[in-house]
């Protein structure tokens, strides 16, 4: 891309999607707390349904960022995964 306007637009999309992902993380954390602390089972189920929808939105944003190479989480080393699993299973 040699057109500066195209580069500026791509940067804007990346920035907006990054902000959206950050917001979705906060939203899902809040709904998770609401659902976990809700006494009424019907309201709890409503919050859980909303939470599921918000997780789907978050996953879509993540997939878009990841597909463009704008958000590439680091892969965990197998040794660290095994070590953590062993620590958790020992209780």
PDB file of N, CA and C in Angstrom:
ATOM      1  N   UNK A   1       0.838  -1.181   0.000  1.00  0.00           N
ATOM      2  CA  UNK A   1       0.000   0.000   0.000  1.00  0.00           C
ATOM      3  C   UNK A   1       0.878   1.239   0.000  1.00  0.00           C
ATOM      4  N   UNK A   2       0.792   1.968  -1.042  1.00  0.00           N
ATOM      5  CA  UNK A   2       1.603   3.175  -1.133  1.00  0.00           C
ATOM      6  C   UNK A   2       0.786   4.436  -0.902  1.00  0.00           C
ATOM      7  N   UNK A   3      -0.520   4.320  -0.930  1.00  0.00           N
ATOM      8  CA  UNK A   3      -1.395   5.463  -0.717  1.00  0.00           C
ATOM      9  C   UNK A   3      -1.476   5.761   0.784  1.00  0.00           C
ATOM     10  N   UNK A   4      -1.039   6.950   1.217  1.00  0.00           N
ATOM     11  CA  UNK A   4      -1.065   7.279   2.650  1.00  0.00           C
ATOM     12  C   UNK A   4      -2.459   7.214   3.261  1.00  0.00           C
ATOM     13  N   UNK A   5      -3.483   7.551   2.476  1.00  0.00           N
ATOM     14  CA  UNK A   5      -4.849   7.501   3.001  1.00  0.00           C
ATOM     15  C   UNK A   5      -5.248   6.072   3.335  1.00  0.00           C
ATOM     16  N   UNK A   6      -4.841   5.111   2.497  1.00  0.00           N
ATOM     17  CA  UNK A   6      -5.148   3.709   2.768  1.00  0.00           C
ATOM     18  C   UNK A   6      -4.442   3.245   4.039  1.00  0.00           C
ATOM     19  N   UNK A   7      -3.197   3.628   4.216  1.00  0.00           N
ATOM     20  CA  UNK A   7      -2.452   3.260   5.421  1.00  0.00           C
ATOM     21  C   UNK A   7      -3.104   3.858   6.658  1.00  0.00           C
ATOM     22  N   UNK A   8      -3.536   5.101   6.557  1.00  0.00           N
ATOM     23  CA  UNK A   8      -4.189   5.760   7.689  1.00  0.00           C
ATOM     24  C   UNK A   8      -5.486   5.047   8.033  1.00  0.00           C
ATOM     25  N   UNK A   9      -6.247   4.644   7.024  1.00  0.00           N
ATOM     26  CA  UNK A   9      -7.498   3.933   7.276  1.00  0.00           C
ATOM     27  C   UNK A   9      -7.250   2.590   7.942  1.00  0.00           C
ATOM     28  N   UNK A  10      -6.224   1.872   7.521  1.00  0.00           N
ATOM     29  CA  UNK A  10      -5.910   0.587   8.141  1.00  0.00           C
ATOM     30  C   UNK A  10      -5.504   0.772   9.600  1.00  0.00           C
ATOM     31  N   UNK A  11      -4.727   1.786   9.861  1.00  0.00           N
ATOM     32  CA  UNK A  11      -4.326   2.039  11.241  1.00  0.00           C
ATOM     33  C   UNK A  11      -5.552   2.344  12.095  1.00  0.00           C
ATOM     34  N   UNK A  12      -6.472   3.106  11.537  1.00  0.00           N
ATOM     35  CA  UNK A  12      -7.683   3.431  12.277  1.00  0.00           C
ATOM     36  C   UNK A  12      -8.499   2.177  12.589  1.00  0.00           C
ATOM     37  N   UNK A  13      -8.619   1.290  11.624  1.00  0.00           N
ATOM     38  CA  UNK A  13      -9.365   0.050  11.841  1.00  0.00           C
ATOM     39  C   UNK A  13      -8.690  -0.781  12.923  1.00  0.00           C
ATOM     40  N   UNK A  14      -7.378  -0.887  12.851  1.00  0.00           N
ATOM     41  CA  UNK A  14      -6.624  -1.643  13.860  1.00  0.00           C
ATOM     42  C   UNK A  14      -6.843  -1.045  15.253  1.00  0.00           C
ATOM     43  N   UNK A  15      -6.759   0.259  15.345  1.00  0.00           N
ATOM     44  CA  UNK A  15      -6.929   0.938  16.620  1.00  0.00           C
ATOM     45  C   UNK A  15      -8.347   0.768  17.165  1.00  0.00           C
ATOM     46  N   UNK A  16      -9.335   0.906  16.296  1.00  0.00           N
ATOM     47  CA  UNK A  16     -10.735   0.757  16.707  1.00  0.00           C
ATOM     48  C   UNK A  16     -11.005  -0.668  17.172  1.00  0.00           C
ATOM     49  N   UNK A  17     -10.528  -1.652  16.412  1.00  0.00           N
ATOM     50  CA  UNK A  17     -10.729  -3.046  16.816  1.00  0.00           C
ATOM     51  C   UNK A  17     -10.024  -3.356  18.127  1.00  0.00           C
ATOM     52  N   UNK A  18      -8.843  -2.791  18.323  1.00  0.00           N
ATOM     53  CA  UNK A  18      -8.128  -2.976  19.580  1.00  0.00           C
ATOM     54  C   UNK A  18      -8.905  -2.400  20.759  1.00  0.00           C
ATOM     55  N   UNK A  19      -9.471  -1.222  20.557  1.00  0.00           N
ATOM     56  CA  UNK A  19     -10.301  -0.613  21.598  1.00  0.00           C
ATOM     57  C   UNK A  19     -11.553  -1.450  21.862  1.00  0.00           C
ATOM     58  N   UNK A  20     -12.136  -1.985  20.787  1.00  0.00           N
ATOM     59  CA  UNK A  20     -13.331  -2.835  20.940  1.00  0.00           C
ATOM     60  C   UNK A  20     -13.004  -4.091  21.731  1.00  0.00           C
ATOM     61  N   UNK A  21     -11.872  -4.705  21.436  1.00  0.00           N
ATOM     62  CA  UNK A  21     -11.485  -5.917  22.160  1.00  0.00           C
ATOM     63  C   UNK A  21     -11.263  -5.615  23.643  1.00  0.00           C
ATOM     64  N   UNK A  22     -10.608  -4.514  23.913  1.00  0.00           N
ATOM     65  CA  UNK A  22     -10.389  -4.111  25.305  1.00  0.00           C
ATOM     66  C   UNK A  22     -11.715  -3.875  26.025  1.00  0.00           C
ATOM     67  N   UNK A  23     -12.636  -3.216  25.346  1.00  0.00           N
ATOM     68  CA  UNK A  23     -13.957  -2.972  25.936  1.00  0.00           C
ATOM     69  C   UNK A  23     -14.708  -4.274  26.175  1.00  0.00           C
ATOM     70  N   UNK A  24     -14.637  -5.195  25.226  1.00  0.00           N
ATOM     71  CA  UNK A  24     -15.326  -6.476  25.387  1.00  0.00           C
ATOM     72  C   UNK A  24     -14.772  -7.259  26.572  1.00  0.00           C
ATOM     73  N   UNK A  25     -13.486  -7.169  26.806  1.00  0.00           N
ATOM     74  CA  UNK A  25     -12.890  -7.844  27.966  1.00  0.00           C
ATOM     75  C   UNK A  25     -13.478  -7.279  29.263  1.00  0.00           C
ATOM     76  N   UNK A  26     -13.643  -5.976  29.307  1.00  0.00           N
ATOM     77  CA  UNK A  26     -14.224  -5.349  30.501  1.00  0.00           C
ATOM     78  C   UNK A  26     -15.699  -5.703  30.645  1.00  0.00           C
ATOM     79  N   UNK A  27     -16.414  -5.714  29.527  1.00  0.00           N
ATOM     80  CA  UNK A  27     -17.851  -6.041  29.555  1.00  0.00           C
ATOM     81  C   UNK A  27     -18.062  -7.465  30.035  1.00  0.00           C
ATOM     82  N   UNK A  28     -17.291  -8.419  29.490  1.00  0.00           N
ATOM     83  CA  UNK A  28     -17.471  -9.810  29.903  1.00  0.00           C
ATOM     84  C   UNK A  28     -17.100 -10.005  31.377  1.00  0.00           C
ATOM     85  N   UNK A  29     -16.107  -9.285  31.838  1.00  0.00           N
ATOM     86  CA  UNK A  29     -15.745  -9.378  33.259  1.00  0.00           C
ATOM     87  C   UNK A  29     -16.894  -8.883  34.140  1.00  0.00           C
ATOM     88  N   UNK A  30     -17.528  -7.802  33.723  1.00  0.00           N
ATOM     89  CA  UNK A  30     -18.645  -7.257  34.507  1.00  0.00           C
ATOM     90  C   UNK A  30     -19.833  -8.210  34.511  1.00  0.00           C
ATOM     91  N   UNK A  31     -20.212  -8.720  33.331  1.00  0.00           N
ATOM     92  CA  UNK A  31     -21.343  -9.652  33.278  1.00  0.00           C
ATOM     93  C   UNK A  31     -21.045 -10.943  34.036  1.00  0.00           C
ATOM     94  N   UNK A  32     -19.813 -11.371  34.031  1.00  0.00           N
ATOM     95  CA  UNK A  32     -19.433 -12.546  34.796  1.00  0.00           C
ATOM     96  C   UNK A  32     -19.657 -12.310  36.288  1.00  0.00           C
ATOM     97  N   UNK A  33     -19.273 -11.143  36.765  1.00  0.00           N
ATOM     98  CA  UNK A  33     -19.498 -10.790  38.168  1.00  0.00           C
ATOM     99  C   UNK A  33     -20.987 -10.702  38.473  1.00  0.00           C
ATOM    100  N   UNK A  34     -21.743 -10.045  37.602  1.00  0.00           N
ATOM    101  CA  UNK A  34     -23.195  -9.926  37.814  1.00  0.00           C
ATOM    102  C   UNK A  34     -23.832 -11.305  37.914  1.00  0.00           C
ATOM    103  N   UNK A  35     -23.497 -12.193  36.987  1.00  0.00           N
ATOM    104  CA  UNK A  35     -24.093 -13.535  36.971  1.00  0.00           C
ATOM    105  C   UNK A  35     -23.688 -14.323  38.210  1.00  0.00           C
ATOM    106  N   UNK A  36     -22.456 -14.199  38.606  1.00  0.00           N
ATOM    107  CA  UNK A  36     -21.965 -14.946  39.765  1.00  0.00           C
ATOM    108  C   UNK A  36     -22.552 -14.493  41.081  1.00  0.00           C
ATOM    109  N   UNK A  37     -22.979 -13.251  41.142  1.00  0.00           N
ATOM    110  CA  UNK A  37     -23.487 -12.703  42.390  1.00  0.00           C
ATOM    111  C   UNK A  37     -24.988 -12.466  42.367  1.00  0.00           C
ATOM    112  N   UNK A  38     -25.670 -13.035  41.386  1.00  0.00           N
ATOM    113  CA  UNK A  38     -27.102 -12.829  41.237  1.00  0.00           C
ATOM    114  C   UNK A  38     -27.878 -13.875  42.035  1.00  0.00           C
ATOM    115  N   UNK A  39     -28.824 -13.442  42.856  1.00  0.00           N
ATOM    116  CA  UNK A  39     -29.614 -14.346  43.690  1.00  0.00           C
ATOM    117  C   UNK A  39     -30.766 -14.974  42.904  1.00  0.00           C
ATOM    118  N   UNK A  40     -31.427 -14.195  42.094  1.00  0.00           N
ATOM    119  CA  UNK A  40     -32.588 -14.688  41.345  1.00  0.00           C
ATOM    120  C   UNK A  40     -32.124 -15.554  40.172  1.00  0.00           C
ATOM    121  N   UNK A  41     -32.567 -16.812  40.096  1.00  0.00           N
ATOM    122  CA  UNK A  41     -32.101 -17.707  39.034  1.00  0.00           C
ATOM    123  C   UNK A  41     -32.477 -17.245  37.622  1.00  0.00           C
ATOM    124  N   UNK A  42     -33.638 -16.614  37.472  1.00  0.00           N
ATOM    125  CA  UNK A  42     -34.031 -16.131  36.142  1.00  0.00           C
ATOM    126  C   UNK A  42     -33.132 -14.997  35.687  1.00  0.00           C
ATOM    127  N   UNK A  43     -32.828 -14.094  36.606  1.00  0.00           N
ATOM    128  CA  UNK A  43     -31.941 -12.987  36.274  1.00  0.00           C
ATOM    129  C   UNK A  43     -30.527 -13.501  36.014  1.00  0.00           C
ATOM    130  N   UNK A  44     -30.115 -14.481  36.822  1.00  0.00           N
ATOM    131  CA  UNK A  44     -28.793 -15.089  36.614  1.00  0.00           C
ATOM    132  C   UNK A  44     -28.704 -15.695  35.212  1.00  0.00           C
ATOM    133  N   UNK A  45     -29.735 -16.425  34.790  1.00  0.00           N
ATOM    134  CA  UNK A  45     -29.739 -17.016  33.453  1.00  0.00           C
ATOM    135  C   UNK A  45     -29.709 -15.939  32.372  1.00  0.00           C
ATOM    136  N   UNK A  46     -30.414 -14.843  32.607  1.00  0.00           N
ATOM    137  CA  UNK A  46     -30.390 -13.737  31.642  1.00  0.00           C
ATOM    138  C   UNK A  46     -28.973 -13.177  31.512  1.00  0.00           C
ATOM    139  N   UNK A  47     -28.306 -12.979  32.657  1.00  0.00           N
ATOM    140  CA  UNK A  47     -26.928 -12.486  32.617  1.00  0.00           C
ATOM    141  C   UNK A  47     -26.007 -13.490  31.935  1.00  0.00           C
ATOM    142  N   UNK A  48     -26.205 -14.775  32.179  1.00  0.00           N
ATOM    143  CA  UNK A  48     -25.375 -15.794  31.533  1.00  0.00           C
ATOM    144  C   UNK A  48     -25.586 -15.812  30.021  1.00  0.00           C
ATOM    145  N   UNK A  49     -26.831 -15.604  29.576  1.00  0.00           N
ATOM    146  CA  UNK A  49     -27.092 -15.527  28.136  1.00  0.00           C
ATOM    147  C   UNK A  49     -26.405 -14.317  27.511  1.00  0.00           C
ATOM    148  N   UNK A  50     -26.496 -13.185  28.199  1.00  0.00           N
ATOM    149  CA  UNK A  50     -25.827 -11.975  27.712  1.00  0.00           C
ATOM    150  C   UNK A  50     -24.318 -12.186  27.699  1.00  0.00           C
ATOM    151  N   UNK A  51     -23.806 -12.813  28.748  1.00  0.00           N
ATOM    152  CA  UNK A  51     -22.369 -13.084  28.836  1.00  0.00           C
ATOM    153  C   UNK A  51     -21.916 -13.939  27.657  1.00  0.00           C
ATOM    154  N   UNK A  52     -22.690 -14.951  27.314  1.00  0.00           N
ATOM    155  CA  UNK A  52     -22.351 -15.806  26.175  1.00  0.00           C
ATOM    156  C   UNK A  52     -22.318 -14.993  24.877  1.00  0.00           C
ATOM    157  N   UNK A  53     -23.292 -14.122  24.694  1.00  0.00           N
ATOM    158  CA  UNK A  53     -23.320 -13.270  23.499  1.00  0.00           C
ATOM    159  C   UNK A  53     -22.108 -12.341  23.453  1.00  0.00           C
ATOM    160  N   UNK A  54     -21.767 -11.782  24.604  1.00  0.00           N
ATOM    161  CA  UNK A  54     -20.616 -10.878  24.665  1.00  0.00           C
ATOM    162  C   UNK A  54     -19.317 -11.621  24.375  1.00  0.00           C
ATOM    163  N   UNK A  55     -19.206 -12.876  24.840  1.00  0.00           N
ATOM    164  CA  UNK A  55     -18.019 -13.679  24.530  1.00  0.00           C
ATOM    165  C   UNK A  55     -17.932 -13.959  23.032  1.00  0.00           C
ATOM    166  N   UNK A  56     -19.060 -14.180  22.389  1.00  0.00           N
ATOM    167  CA  UNK A  56     -19.071 -14.389  20.933  1.00  0.00           C
ATOM    168  C   UNK A  56     -18.591 -13.140  20.206  1.00  0.00           C
ATOM    169  N   UNK A  57     -19.045 -11.976  20.650  1.00  0.00           N
ATOM    170  CA  UNK A  57     -18.601 -10.714  20.056  1.00  0.00           C
ATOM    171  C   UNK A  57     -17.099 -10.549  20.250  1.00  0.00           C
ATOM    172  N   UNK A  58     -16.633 -10.834  21.473  1.00  0.00           N
ATOM    173  CA  UNK A  58     -15.207 -10.724  21.775  1.00  0.00           C
ATOM    174  C   UNK A  58     -14.398 -11.663  20.883  1.00  0.00           C
ATOM    175  N   UNK A  59     -14.870 -12.879  20.702  1.00  0.00           N
ATOM    176  CA  UNK A  59     -14.161 -13.850  19.864  1.00  0.00           C
ATOM    177  C   UNK A  59     -14.109 -13.378  18.410  1.00  0.00           C
ATOM    178  N   UNK A  60     -15.188 -12.799  17.920  1.00  0.00           N
ATOM    179  CA  UNK A  60     -15.207 -12.289  16.545  1.00  0.00           C
ATOM    180  C   UNK A  60     -14.188 -11.164  16.360  1.00  0.00           C
ATOM    181  N   UNK A  61     -14.115 -10.273  17.324  1.00  0.00           N
ATOM    182  CA  UNK A  61     -13.152  -9.164  17.245  1.00  0.00           C
ATOM    183  C   UNK A  61     -11.731  -9.712  17.292  1.00  0.00           C
ATOM    184  N   UNK A  62     -11.499 -10.655  18.206  1.00  0.00           N
ATOM    185  CA  UNK A  62     -10.172 -11.271  18.308  1.00  0.00           C
ATOM    186  C   UNK A  62      -9.784 -11.941  16.991  1.00  0.00           C
ATOM    187  N   UNK A  63     -10.714 -12.707  16.412  1.00  0.00           N
ATOM    188  CA  UNK A  63     -10.428 -13.408  15.150  1.00  0.00           C
ATOM    189  C   UNK A  63     -10.071 -12.426  14.050  1.00  0.00           C
ATOM    190  N   UNK A  64     -10.761 -11.298  13.997  1.00  0.00           N
ATOM    191  CA  UNK A  64     -10.481 -10.294  12.975  1.00  0.00           C
ATOM    192  C   UNK A  64      -9.097  -9.679  13.178  1.00  0.00           C
ATOM    193  N   UNK A  65      -8.795  -9.311  14.405  1.00  0.00           N
ATOM    194  CA  UNK A  65      -7.469  -8.762  14.701  1.00  0.00           C
ATOM    195  C   UNK A  65      -6.379  -9.790  14.393  1.00  0.00           C
ATOM    196  N   UNK A  66      -6.605 -11.030  14.790  1.00  0.00           N
ATOM    197  CA  UNK A  66      -5.633 -12.101  14.592  1.00  0.00           C
ATOM    198  C   UNK A  66      -5.438 -12.392  13.112  1.00  0.00           C
ATOM    199  N   UNK A  67      -6.519 -12.406  12.344  1.00  0.00           N
ATOM    200  CA  UNK A  67      -6.450 -12.693  10.909  1.00  0.00           C
ATOM    201  C   UNK A  67      -5.610 -11.659  10.162  1.00  0.00           C
ATOM    202  N   UNK A  68      -5.635 -10.420  10.636  1.00  0.00           N
ATOM    203  CA  UNK A  68      -4.850  -9.359  10.009  1.00  0.00           C
ATOM    204  C   UNK A  68      -3.419  -9.291  10.557  1.00  0.00           C
ATOM    205  N   UNK A  69      -3.127 -10.123  11.557  1.00  0.00           N
ATOM    206  CA  UNK A  69      -1.788 -10.095  12.154  1.00  0.00           C
ATOM    207  C   UNK A  69      -1.591  -8.960  13.132  1.00  0.00           C
ATOM    208  N   UNK A  70      -2.691  -8.365  13.605  1.00  0.00           N
ATOM    209  CA  UNK A  70      -2.609  -7.221  14.507  1.00  0.00           C
ATOM    210  C   UNK A  70      -2.608  -7.629  15.970  1.00  0.00           C
ATOM    211  N   UNK A  71      -2.988  -8.849  16.256  1.00  0.00           N
ATOM    212  CA  UNK A  71      -3.008  -9.326  17.642  1.00  0.00           C
ATOM    213  C   UNK A  71      -2.631 -10.792  17.596  1.00  0.00           C
ATOM    214  N   UNK A  72      -1.393 -11.075  17.916  1.00  0.00           N
ATOM    215  CA  UNK A  72      -0.862 -12.426  17.832  1.00  0.00           C
ATOM    216  C   UNK A  72      -0.377 -12.872  19.210  1.00  0.00           C
ATOM    217  N   UNK A  73      -1.235 -13.556  19.950  1.00  0.00           N
ATOM    218  CA  UNK A  73      -0.815 -14.020  21.274  1.00  0.00           C
ATOM    219  C   UNK A  73       0.359 -14.985  21.156  1.00  0.00           C
ATOM    220  N   UNK A  74       1.234 -14.915  22.125  1.00  0.00           N
ATOM    221  CA  UNK A  74       2.394 -15.788  22.149  1.00  0.00           C
ATOM    222  C   UNK A  74       1.966 -17.197  22.554  1.00  0.00           C
ATOM    223  N   UNK A  75       2.495 -18.181  21.864  1.00  0.00           N
ATOM    224  CA  UNK A  75       2.185 -19.567  22.191  1.00  0.00           C
ATOM    225  C   UNK A  75       2.982 -19.988  23.420  1.00  0.00           C
ATOM    226  N   UNK A  76       2.318 -20.695  24.323  1.00  0.00           N
ATOM    227  CA  UNK A  76       2.981 -21.183  25.532  1.00  0.00           C
ATOM    228  C   UNK A  76       3.854 -22.380  25.188  1.00  0.00           C
ATOM    229  N   UNK A  77       4.975 -22.480  25.858  1.00  0.00           N
ATOM    230  CA  UNK A  77       5.864 -23.626  25.666  1.00  0.00           C
ATOM    231  C   UNK A  77       5.227 -24.860  26.314  1.00  0.00           C
ATOM    232  N   UNK A  78       5.364 -26.009  25.670  1.00  0.00           N
ATOM    233  CA  UNK A  78       4.765 -27.244  26.172  1.00  0.00           C
ATOM    234  C   UNK A  78       5.250 -27.558  27.583  1.00  0.00           C
ATOM    235  N   UNK A  79       6.492 -27.288  27.877  1.00  0.00           N
ATOM    236  CA  UNK A  79       7.047 -27.553  29.209  1.00  0.00           C
ATOM    237  C   UNK A  79       6.316 -26.733  30.276  1.00  0.00           C
ATOM    238  N   UNK A  80       6.019 -25.482  29.971  1.00  0.00           N
ATOM    239  CA  UNK A  80       5.308 -24.630  30.930  1.00  0.00           C
ATOM    240  C   UNK A  80       3.869 -25.097  31.111  1.00  0.00           C
ATOM    241  N   UNK A  81       3.244 -25.559  30.029  1.00  0.00           N
ATOM    242  CA  UNK A  81       1.876 -26.076  30.116  1.00  0.00           C
ATOM    243  C   UNK A  81       1.850 -27.307  31.015  1.00  0.00           C
ATOM    244  N   UNK A  82       2.773 -28.217  30.800  1.00  0.00           N
ATOM    245  CA  UNK A  82       2.857 -29.439  31.605  1.00  0.00           C
ATOM    246  C   UNK A  82       3.131 -29.097  33.068  1.00  0.00           C
ATOM    247  N   UNK A  83       4.029 -28.182  33.319  1.00  0.00           N
ATOM    248  CA  UNK A  83       4.371 -27.773  34.680  1.00  0.00           C
ATOM    249  C   UNK A  83       3.152 -27.176  35.387  1.00  0.00           C
ATOM    250  N   UNK A  84       2.438 -26.307  34.718  1.00  0.00           N
ATOM    251  CA  UNK A  84       1.243 -25.693  35.311  1.00  0.00           C
ATOM    252  C   UNK A  84       0.170 -26.741  35.567  1.00  0.00           C
ATOM    253  N   UNK A  85      -0.043 -27.633  34.618  1.00  0.00           N
ATOM    254  CA  UNK A  85      -1.039 -28.701  34.777  1.00  0.00           C
ATOM    255  C   UNK A  85      -0.690 -29.561  35.999  1.00  0.00           C
ATOM    256  N   UNK A  86       0.582 -29.887  36.143  1.00  0.00           N
ATOM    257  CA  UNK A  86       1.001 -30.704  37.288  1.00  0.00           C
ATOM    258  C   UNK A  86       0.784 -29.971  38.606  1.00  0.00           C
ATOM    259  N   UNK A  87       1.048 -28.687  38.628  1.00  0.00           N
ATOM    260  CA  UNK A  87       0.843 -27.909  39.846  1.00  0.00           C
ATOM    261  C   UNK A  87      -0.636 -27.861  40.221  1.00  0.00           C
ATOM    262  N   UNK A  88      -1.495 -27.715  39.246  1.00  0.00           N
ATOM    263  CA  UNK A  88      -2.924 -27.609  39.500  1.00  0.00           C
ATOM    264  C   UNK A  88      -3.544 -28.943  39.900  1.00  0.00           C
ATOM    265  N   UNK A  89      -3.035 -30.028  39.374  1.00  0.00           N
ATOM    266  CA  UNK A  89      -3.617 -31.334  39.696  1.00  0.00           C
ATOM    267  C   UNK A  89      -3.151 -31.849  41.044  1.00  0.00           C
ATOM    268  N   UNK A  90      -2.047 -31.351  41.545  1.00  0.00           N
ATOM    269  CA  UNK A  90      -1.565 -31.752  42.875  1.00  0.00           C
ATOM    270  C   UNK A  90      -2.400 -31.126  43.980  1.00  0.00           C
ATOM    271  N   UNK A  91      -3.035 -30.021  43.640  1.00  0.00           N
ATOM    272  CA  UNK A  91      -3.945 -29.354  44.548  1.00  0.00           C
ATOM    273  C   UNK A  91      -3.308 -28.689  45.661  1.00  0.00           C
TER     274      UNK A  91
END
